[in-house]
Amino acid sequence: MELIVGTYGQRMRLLELTQASFEVLSSTDFEAENTSALALSPDGRFLFAVSESGERSGVYSFEILPSRNPATPSAGRIVKRSEIRDVSPDPCHLLYLPGYFNQCGDPDNGALLTADYSGGSVSVYPVLRGRIQPPVQVVHFEGHGTVPLRQEAPHIHHLAQHGNLLLAVDLGTDCIHVLRLFDNVVRPLCDTRLRREPRLERLFDIPAPSGSGPRHLVFDPSGTHFYVLTELSNELLVYSCPDFATADDRPVLLQRLPAGDRSYPTQAGGDLQLSPDGRHLYASMRNGGDGLVICDILPDGSLRRCGFQPTGAHVRDFMFLPDKPVLLACCKNGRCVQFYRYHPEDGSLSLLQEIPFDGPYFGEPVFGQPLR
């Protein structure tokens, strides 16, 4: 198994791991600054990354070349193909949409969408055969929230696709912006006379409770509910999700479940993920009492807290590995990545392996992306 780990630092790290115990067989590092979120193309050929670097922010694309010896990754395995700088500040999440800027059926021509935290925006970049082009659209939002310093302006933290819609989670204004992704009729770009110019179209906003600071969002497998983790109020919000058959269809807030521990006043929500079988929801807590809150998803879509798993310090992002009952946690302040076995009967987790990121050279691990 190969794993790319993005960091707050000057390097990304490529790890070759054993399949069962996740012991390190080899490790390679390559230059890439503050790669706090990663995305892989569906065919596994290209890796995309944000560079969350303030006014020096940017985006990268890399080509993943076949490994001559899978047990020994080399520095030449990951090759940078493009880098765009001077973008909307602090992109912290991204989505890759294959075929969005399709030309004659070439699946490599997609779009990269970024959630720009400090920019308070969503940016759209064409991707032509793995190379990112300058943005063709930057959707800026306006407003503020009720928490001084944290909500003085929009702060887009996460993007989620739901069919034809894009949901942009805005920590700064306590809402989720809903935008239209695609035209009703997708015309081919083979003929230059039929140039299609996809544009994100703002539709409406879904309100979150005042001062809550929504951060991450996930849909249940059926698409009838979605769940939001808030960073400022440390809550889990449950919304019903309509089929948007009419223009008046709007999600409805059904439940507010406290997720944090009041004995840690600086605690803040981090990431949010569903278990592979859709039976449990996990939310990371950071900055005191660090770990994963575990919830049962009940038949009506509501949540019931059922457990807590302590982790390394400051799990900014975590994920379930594809085709494995294993959770990967990136512990930023703990300077390690951890692997946990998922137990579907009750949602509990047990630690399998911990890989340290020793010394400043490796940076702080914040995002993991398995390679195919």
Protein backbone atom coordinates (compact mmCIF):
# COMPACT_ATOMS: atom_id res chain seq x y z
CA MET A 1 0.00 0.00 0.00
CA GLU A 2 1.22 3.50 -0.87
CA LEU A 3 0.15 6.60 1.04
CA ILE A 4 0.80 10.29 0.30
CA VAL A 5 0.76 12.52 3.39
CA GLY A 6 0.31 16.26 2.98
CA THR A 7 1.84 18.48 5.65
CA TYR A 8 2.10 21.96 7.02
CA GLY A 9 5.72 22.35 5.97
CA GLN A 10 7.87 22.25 2.86
CA ARG A 11 7.54 18.55 1.99
CA MET A 12 5.01 15.86 1.18
CA ARG A 13 5.80 12.28 2.13
CA LEU A 14 5.26 9.08 0.13
CA LEU A 15 5.08 5.96 2.31
CA GLU A 16 5.13 2.34 1.18
CA LEU A 17 3.37 0.27 3.85
CA THR A 18 2.64 -3.39 4.46
CA GLN A 19 -0.97 -4.29 3.67
CA ALA A 20 -2.01 -5.76 7.01
CA SER A 21 0.07 -4.12 9.74
CA PHE A 22 0.92 -0.78 8.01
CA GLU A 23 4.59 -0.97 8.86
CA VAL A 24 6.83 1.35 6.83
CA LEU A 25 8.76 -0.39 4.06
CA SER A 26 10.19 2.80 2.56
CA SER A 27 9.70 6.55 2.61
CA THR A 28 10.33 9.32 0.07
CA ASP A 29 9.84 13.07 0.46
CA PHE A 30 9.37 15.71 -2.23
CA GLU A 31 8.88 19.46 -2.24
CA ALA A 32 5.38 20.89 -1.90
CA GLU A 33 4.47 23.69 0.49
CA ASN A 34 1.65 23.48 3.08
CA THR A 35 -0.34 20.78 1.31
CA SER A 36 -3.28 20.69 3.72
CA ALA A 37 -5.67 18.90 1.32
CA LEU A 38 -5.16 16.39 -1.50
CA ALA A 39 -7.34 14.80 -4.18
CA LEU A 40 -6.68 11.96 -6.60
CA SER A 41 -8.11 11.66 -10.11
CA PRO A 42 -10.46 8.67 -10.49
CA ASP A 43 -7.95 6.77 -12.64
CA GLY A 44 -5.18 7.38 -10.09
CA ARG A 45 -2.92 9.13 -12.63
CA PHE A 46 -2.94 12.62 -11.15
CA LEU A 47 -2.68 14.03 -7.65
CA PHE A 48 -3.93 17.54 -6.85
CA ALA A 49 -3.00 19.56 -3.77
CA VAL A 50 -3.67 22.96 -2.29
CA SER A 51 -0.87 25.12 -0.91
CA GLU A 52 -2.44 26.87 2.09
CA SER A 53 0.17 29.62 2.35
CA GLY A 54 -1.54 32.96 2.98
CA GLU A 55 -0.75 35.50 0.28
CA ARG A 56 1.58 32.93 -1.34
CA SER A 57 -1.17 30.34 -1.66
CA GLY A 58 -1.49 28.11 -4.68
CA VAL A 59 -2.47 24.75 -6.16
CA TYR A 60 -0.38 21.88 -7.52
CA SER A 61 -0.85 18.93 -9.81
CA PHE A 62 1.41 15.87 -9.93
CA GLU A 63 1.55 12.89 -12.25
CA ILE A 64 1.92 9.52 -10.56
CA LEU A 65 4.23 7.39 -12.65
CA PRO A 66 4.27 3.58 -12.54
CA SER A 67 6.65 2.25 -9.94
CA ARG A 68 9.41 0.00 -11.24
CA ASN A 69 9.55 -1.72 -7.89
CA PRO A 70 6.35 -1.25 -5.85
CA ALA A 71 8.23 -2.02 -2.62
CA THR A 72 10.74 0.76 -3.24
CA PRO A 73 9.16 4.10 -4.20
CA SER A 74 11.61 6.58 -5.68
CA ALA A 75 11.77 10.34 -5.87
CA GLY A 76 10.79 10.06 -9.54
CA ARG A 77 7.47 8.35 -8.77
CA ILE A 78 5.67 11.67 -8.20
CA VAL A 79 6.34 14.35 -10.85
CA LYS A 80 5.05 17.89 -10.57
CA ARG A 81 3.12 18.92 -13.70
CA SER A 82 1.78 22.35 -12.76
CA GLU A 83 1.74 25.01 -10.05
CA ILE A 84 -0.46 28.12 -9.90
CA ARG A 85 0.30 30.90 -7.41
CA ASP A 86 -1.29 34.24 -6.46
CA VAL A 87 -4.69 32.62 -5.95
CA SER A 88 -7.47 33.41 -3.48
CA PRO A 89 -5.77 33.08 -0.06
CA ASP A 90 -5.57 29.88 1.95
CA PRO A 91 -7.34 27.17 -0.04
CA CYS A 92 -7.93 24.42 2.53
CA HIS A 93 -10.07 21.87 0.69
CA LEU A 94 -10.55 20.80 -2.93
CA LEU A 95 -12.67 18.71 -5.27
CA TYR A 96 -11.64 17.30 -8.62
CA LEU A 97 -14.45 16.85 -11.17
CA PRO A 98 -13.32 14.69 -14.11
CA GLY A 99 -14.75 15.70 -17.46
CA TYR A 100 -16.06 19.07 -16.26
CA PHE A 101 -14.06 20.85 -18.96
CA ASN A 102 -14.19 17.84 -21.23
CA GLN A 103 -12.79 18.03 -24.76
CA CYS A 104 -13.79 15.26 -27.17
CA GLY A 105 -14.37 12.79 -24.37
CA ASP A 106 -10.91 13.14 -22.81
CA PRO A 107 -11.49 12.33 -19.10
CA ASP A 108 -8.26 14.07 -18.11
CA ASN A 109 -9.85 17.45 -18.81
CA GLY A 110 -11.66 18.19 -15.60
CA ALA A 111 -11.99 20.99 -13.10
CA LEU A 112 -10.40 21.63 -9.73
CA LEU A 113 -12.58 23.46 -7.21
CA THR A 114 -11.05 24.92 -4.04
CA ALA A 115 -12.55 26.16 -0.76
CA ASP A 116 -10.60 29.34 0.00
CA TYR A 117 -10.61 29.96 3.75
CA SER A 118 -9.11 33.46 4.00
CA GLY A 119 -10.35 34.43 0.54
CA GLY A 120 -13.94 33.62 1.50
CA SER A 121 -14.45 32.14 -1.96
CA VAL A 122 -14.75 29.10 -4.21
CA SER A 123 -12.32 29.00 -7.15
CA VAL A 124 -12.71 27.03 -10.37
CA TYR A 125 -9.60 25.88 -12.29
CA PRO A 126 -9.68 24.02 -15.61
CA VAL A 127 -7.44 20.95 -15.66
CA LEU A 128 -6.13 19.94 -19.10
CA ARG A 129 -4.49 16.52 -19.13
CA GLY A 130 -3.39 16.85 -15.55
CA ARG A 131 -2.15 20.44 -15.78
CA ILE A 132 -3.99 23.11 -13.83
CA GLN A 133 -4.86 26.28 -15.73
CA PRO A 134 -5.47 29.76 -14.20
CA PRO A 135 -8.88 30.09 -12.53
CA VAL A 136 -11.81 30.92 -14.79
CA GLN A 137 -14.13 31.84 -11.94
CA VAL A 138 -13.78 32.90 -8.31
CA VAL A 139 -17.08 33.14 -6.44
CA HIS A 140 -16.68 35.57 -3.54
CA PHE A 141 -19.09 35.57 -0.61
CA GLU A 142 -19.97 38.38 1.78
CA GLY A 143 -21.09 38.76 5.37
CA HIS A 144 -19.90 37.93 8.88
CA GLY A 145 -20.94 36.01 11.96
CA THR A 146 -21.38 36.77 15.63
CA VAL A 147 -18.05 35.47 17.03
CA PRO A 148 -15.36 38.21 17.05
CA LEU A 149 -12.05 37.40 15.34
CA ARG A 150 -13.30 34.06 13.96
CA GLN A 151 -16.29 35.31 11.98
CA GLU A 152 -15.26 38.75 10.77
CA ALA A 153 -15.68 37.60 7.15
CA PRO A 154 -16.65 34.53 5.10
CA HIS A 155 -14.36 31.51 5.58
CA ILE A 156 -15.08 28.66 3.17
CA HIS A 157 -13.77 25.48 4.74
CA HIS A 158 -15.22 22.50 2.86
CA LEU A 159 -16.87 21.55 -0.44
CA ALA A 160 -19.29 18.70 -1.06
CA GLN A 161 -20.91 17.64 -4.33
CA HIS A 162 -24.53 16.48 -4.34
CA GLY A 163 -25.54 15.59 -7.86
CA ASN A 164 -25.83 18.82 -9.82
CA LEU A 165 -25.16 20.93 -6.73
CA LEU A 166 -22.08 22.14 -4.85
CA LEU A 167 -22.34 22.86 -1.14
CA ALA A 168 -19.73 25.27 0.26
CA VAL A 169 -19.46 25.27 4.06
CA ASP A 170 -18.85 28.78 5.39
CA LEU A 171 -17.47 28.94 8.93
CA GLY A 172 -17.43 32.74 8.89
CA THR A 173 -21.09 33.45 8.14
CA ASP A 174 -22.81 30.43 9.71
CA CYS A 175 -24.26 29.05 6.52
CA ILE A 176 -23.82 26.58 3.68
CA HIS A 177 -23.85 28.14 0.23
CA VAL A 178 -25.57 26.09 -2.48
CA LEU A 179 -24.39 26.53 -6.07
CA ARG A 180 -25.31 24.86 -9.34
CA LEU A 181 -22.45 22.92 -10.95
CA PHE A 182 -23.68 21.87 -14.38
CA ASP A 183 -25.83 23.15 -17.21
CA ASN A 184 -29.03 21.24 -17.98
CA VAL A 185 -27.56 20.20 -21.33
CA VAL A 186 -23.88 19.28 -21.50
CA ARG A 187 -22.60 20.07 -24.99
CA PRO A 188 -19.34 18.62 -26.32
CA LEU A 189 -16.30 20.83 -26.70
CA CYS A 190 -14.95 19.00 -29.76
CA ASP A 191 -16.36 21.68 -32.05
CA THR A 192 -14.97 25.13 -31.23
CA ARG A 193 -18.28 26.61 -32.41
CA LEU A 194 -19.97 24.94 -29.45
CA ARG A 195 -17.79 26.29 -26.67
CA ARG A 196 -19.39 25.54 -23.34
CA GLU A 197 -18.35 27.84 -20.50
CA PRO A 198 -19.38 26.15 -17.23
CA ARG A 199 -20.02 28.66 -14.49
CA LEU A 200 -20.96 28.11 -10.88
CA GLU A 201 -24.35 29.69 -10.24
CA ARG A 202 -25.35 30.76 -6.74
CA LEU A 203 -28.77 29.47 -5.74
CA PHE A 204 -29.45 29.93 -2.02
CA ASP A 205 -27.94 29.59 1.47
CA ILE A 206 -28.73 27.02 4.16
CA PRO A 207 -28.54 28.67 7.60
CA ALA A 208 -26.65 27.13 10.52
CA PRO A 209 -27.16 28.21 14.15
CA SER A 210 -25.69 31.61 14.98
CA GLY A 211 -22.09 31.41 16.20
CA SER A 212 -21.78 27.70 15.43
CA GLY A 213 -19.06 28.00 12.75
CA PRO A 214 -19.87 25.10 10.37
CA ARG A 215 -16.70 23.39 9.15
CA HIS A 216 -17.29 20.02 7.45
CA LEU A 217 -20.25 18.27 5.79
CA VAL A 218 -21.05 14.70 4.72
CA PHE A 219 -24.13 13.08 3.15
CA ASP A 220 -25.59 9.79 4.29
CA PRO A 221 -25.47 6.97 1.69
CA SER A 222 -29.10 7.53 0.66
CA GLY A 223 -28.65 11.27 0.18
CA THR A 224 -31.74 12.01 2.30
CA HIS A 225 -29.78 13.58 5.17
CA PHE A 226 -26.50 15.40 5.62
CA TYR A 227 -24.42 16.05 8.70
CA VAL A 228 -22.42 19.15 9.60
CA LEU A 229 -19.65 19.46 12.19
CA THR A 230 -19.29 22.92 13.70
CA GLU A 231 -15.93 24.21 14.89
CA LEU A 232 -16.99 27.03 17.21
CA SER A 233 -19.93 25.42 19.05
CA ASN A 234 -18.67 21.81 18.75
CA GLU A 235 -21.97 20.42 17.57
CA LEU A 236 -23.21 17.89 15.06
CA LEU A 237 -26.09 19.22 12.97
CA VAL A 238 -28.50 16.90 11.17
CA TYR A 239 -30.35 18.23 8.12
CA SER A 240 -33.00 16.61 5.96
CA CYS A 241 -32.09 16.87 2.29
CA PRO A 242 -34.90 17.21 -0.26
CA ASP A 243 -34.60 16.07 -3.86
CA PHE A 244 -34.69 19.72 -5.00
CA ALA A 245 -37.47 18.89 -7.46
CA THR A 246 -38.87 22.41 -7.08
CA ALA A 247 -37.21 25.78 -6.63
CA ASP A 248 -38.66 26.06 -3.12
CA ASP A 249 -37.09 22.84 -1.79
CA ARG A 250 -34.82 23.61 1.16
CA PRO A 251 -32.98 21.43 3.71
CA VAL A 252 -34.38 21.53 7.24
CA LEU A 253 -32.34 21.38 10.46
CA LEU A 254 -33.63 18.36 12.42
CA GLN A 255 -31.15 17.90 15.28
CA ARG A 256 -28.39 19.66 17.19
CA LEU A 257 -26.20 17.22 19.10
CA PRO A 258 -23.42 18.54 21.39
CA ALA A 259 -20.18 16.80 20.42
CA GLY A 260 -17.53 18.59 22.48
CA ASP A 261 -16.39 18.32 26.07
CA ARG A 262 -17.11 21.49 28.08
CA SER A 263 -14.16 20.78 30.38
CA TYR A 264 -11.89 21.78 27.47
CA PRO A 265 -12.83 25.42 26.69
CA THR A 266 -10.47 25.66 23.69
CA GLN A 267 -11.67 22.42 22.09
CA ALA A 268 -12.69 22.72 18.44
CA GLY A 269 -14.27 20.42 15.89
CA GLY A 270 -12.05 19.14 13.08
CA ASP A 271 -13.10 16.60 10.45
CA LEU A 272 -16.24 14.52 9.86
CA GLN A 273 -16.57 11.11 8.16
CA LEU A 274 -19.03 8.25 7.74
CA SER A 275 -18.04 4.63 8.33
CA PRO A 276 -17.81 2.52 5.14
CA ASP A 277 -21.11 0.78 5.91
CA GLY A 278 -22.89 4.08 6.67
CA ARG A 279 -23.84 2.95 10.19
CA HIS A 280 -21.65 5.33 12.21
CA LEU A 281 -20.51 8.94 12.08
CA TYR A 282 -17.13 10.15 13.41
CA ALA A 283 -16.07 13.68 14.34
CA SER A 284 -12.59 14.73 15.44
CA MET A 285 -12.05 17.03 18.42
CA ARG A 286 -8.83 19.07 18.76
CA ASN A 287 -7.10 21.53 21.11
CA GLY A 288 -7.90 19.63 24.30
CA GLY A 289 -9.57 16.28 24.90
CA ASP A 290 -8.39 15.21 21.45
CA GLY A 291 -10.02 12.23 19.82
CA LEU A 292 -12.92 10.95 17.73
CA VAL A 293 -16.55 11.24 18.82
CA ILE A 294 -18.49 8.17 17.61
CA CYS A 295 -22.22 8.29 16.84
CA ASP A 296 -24.79 5.72 15.76
CA ILE A 297 -26.89 6.77 12.76
CA LEU A 298 -30.47 5.82 13.64
CA PRO A 299 -33.09 4.66 11.10
CA ASP A 300 -34.64 8.13 10.91
CA GLY A 301 -31.24 9.72 10.15
CA SER A 302 -30.76 11.21 13.60
CA LEU A 303 -27.61 10.68 15.68
CA ARG A 304 -26.93 9.07 19.05
CA ARG A 305 -23.52 9.41 20.63
CA CYS A 306 -22.16 5.95 21.43
CA GLY A 307 -18.42 6.28 22.07
CA PHE A 308 -15.16 8.19 22.02
CA GLN A 309 -11.70 7.16 20.80
CA PRO A 310 -8.67 9.12 22.11
CA THR A 311 -6.12 9.84 19.38
CA GLY A 312 -2.86 11.66 18.84
CA ALA A 313 -2.99 15.43 19.26
CA HIS A 314 -4.99 17.53 16.80
CA VAL A 315 -6.57 15.25 14.20
CA ARG A 316 -7.19 17.82 11.47
CA ASP A 317 -8.28 15.24 8.88
CA PHE A 318 -9.03 11.53 8.86
CA MET A 319 -10.51 9.04 6.43
CA PHE A 320 -11.45 5.40 5.98
CA LEU A 321 -9.15 3.52 3.63
CA PRO A 322 -10.75 2.22 0.43
CA ASP A 323 -11.86 -1.42 0.69
CA LYS A 324 -10.49 -1.78 4.22
CA PRO A 325 -12.19 -1.51 7.64
CA VAL A 326 -9.41 0.86 8.71
CA LEU A 327 -9.43 4.52 9.69
CA LEU A 328 -6.40 6.74 9.01
CA ALA A 329 -5.94 9.75 11.30
CA CYS A 330 -3.44 12.56 10.61
CA CYS A 331 -2.36 13.97 13.97
CA LYS A 332 -0.95 17.42 13.25
CA ASN A 333 0.38 18.35 16.70
CA GLY A 334 1.10 14.73 17.60
CA ARG A 335 3.35 14.62 14.49
CA CYS A 336 2.21 11.15 13.50
CA VAL A 337 -0.32 9.23 11.44
CA GLN A 338 -2.35 6.52 13.11
CA PHE A 339 -4.27 3.51 11.76
CA TYR A 340 -7.33 2.18 13.61
CA ARG A 341 -9.35 -1.00 13.04
CA TYR A 342 -13.07 -0.30 12.61
CA HIS A 343 -15.46 -2.63 14.45
CA PRO A 344 -18.84 -2.39 12.69
CA GLU A 345 -20.87 -4.02 15.45
CA ASP A 346 -20.54 -0.99 17.73
CA GLY A 347 -18.43 1.54 15.79
CA SER A 348 -15.48 1.26 18.17
CA LEU A 349 -11.88 1.63 17.02
CA SER A 350 -8.65 -0.08 18.04
CA LEU A 351 -5.15 1.22 17.29
CA LEU A 352 -3.20 -0.83 14.74
CA GLN A 353 -0.14 1.28 13.96
CA GLU A 354 1.41 4.72 14.57
CA ILE A 355 3.98 6.24 12.22
CA PRO A 356 5.95 9.19 13.64
CA PHE A 357 6.90 12.26 11.62
CA ASP A 358 10.12 13.05 13.48
CA GLY A 359 11.91 16.37 13.14
CA PRO A 360 10.95 19.60 11.37
CA TYR A 361 12.00 18.27 7.98
CA PHE A 362 8.87 16.15 7.64
CA GLY A 363 6.40 18.92 8.59
CA GLU A 364 3.14 18.41 10.46
CA PRO A 365 0.97 15.65 8.92
CA VAL A 366 -2.50 16.98 8.10
CA PHE A 367 -3.96 14.98 5.18
CA GLY A 368 -3.58 11.42 3.88
CA GLN A 369 -4.31 10.14 0.38
CA PRO A 370 -3.87 6.45 -0.55
CA LEU A 371 -2.60 5.79 -4.06
CA ARG A 372 -4.15 3.20 -6.33
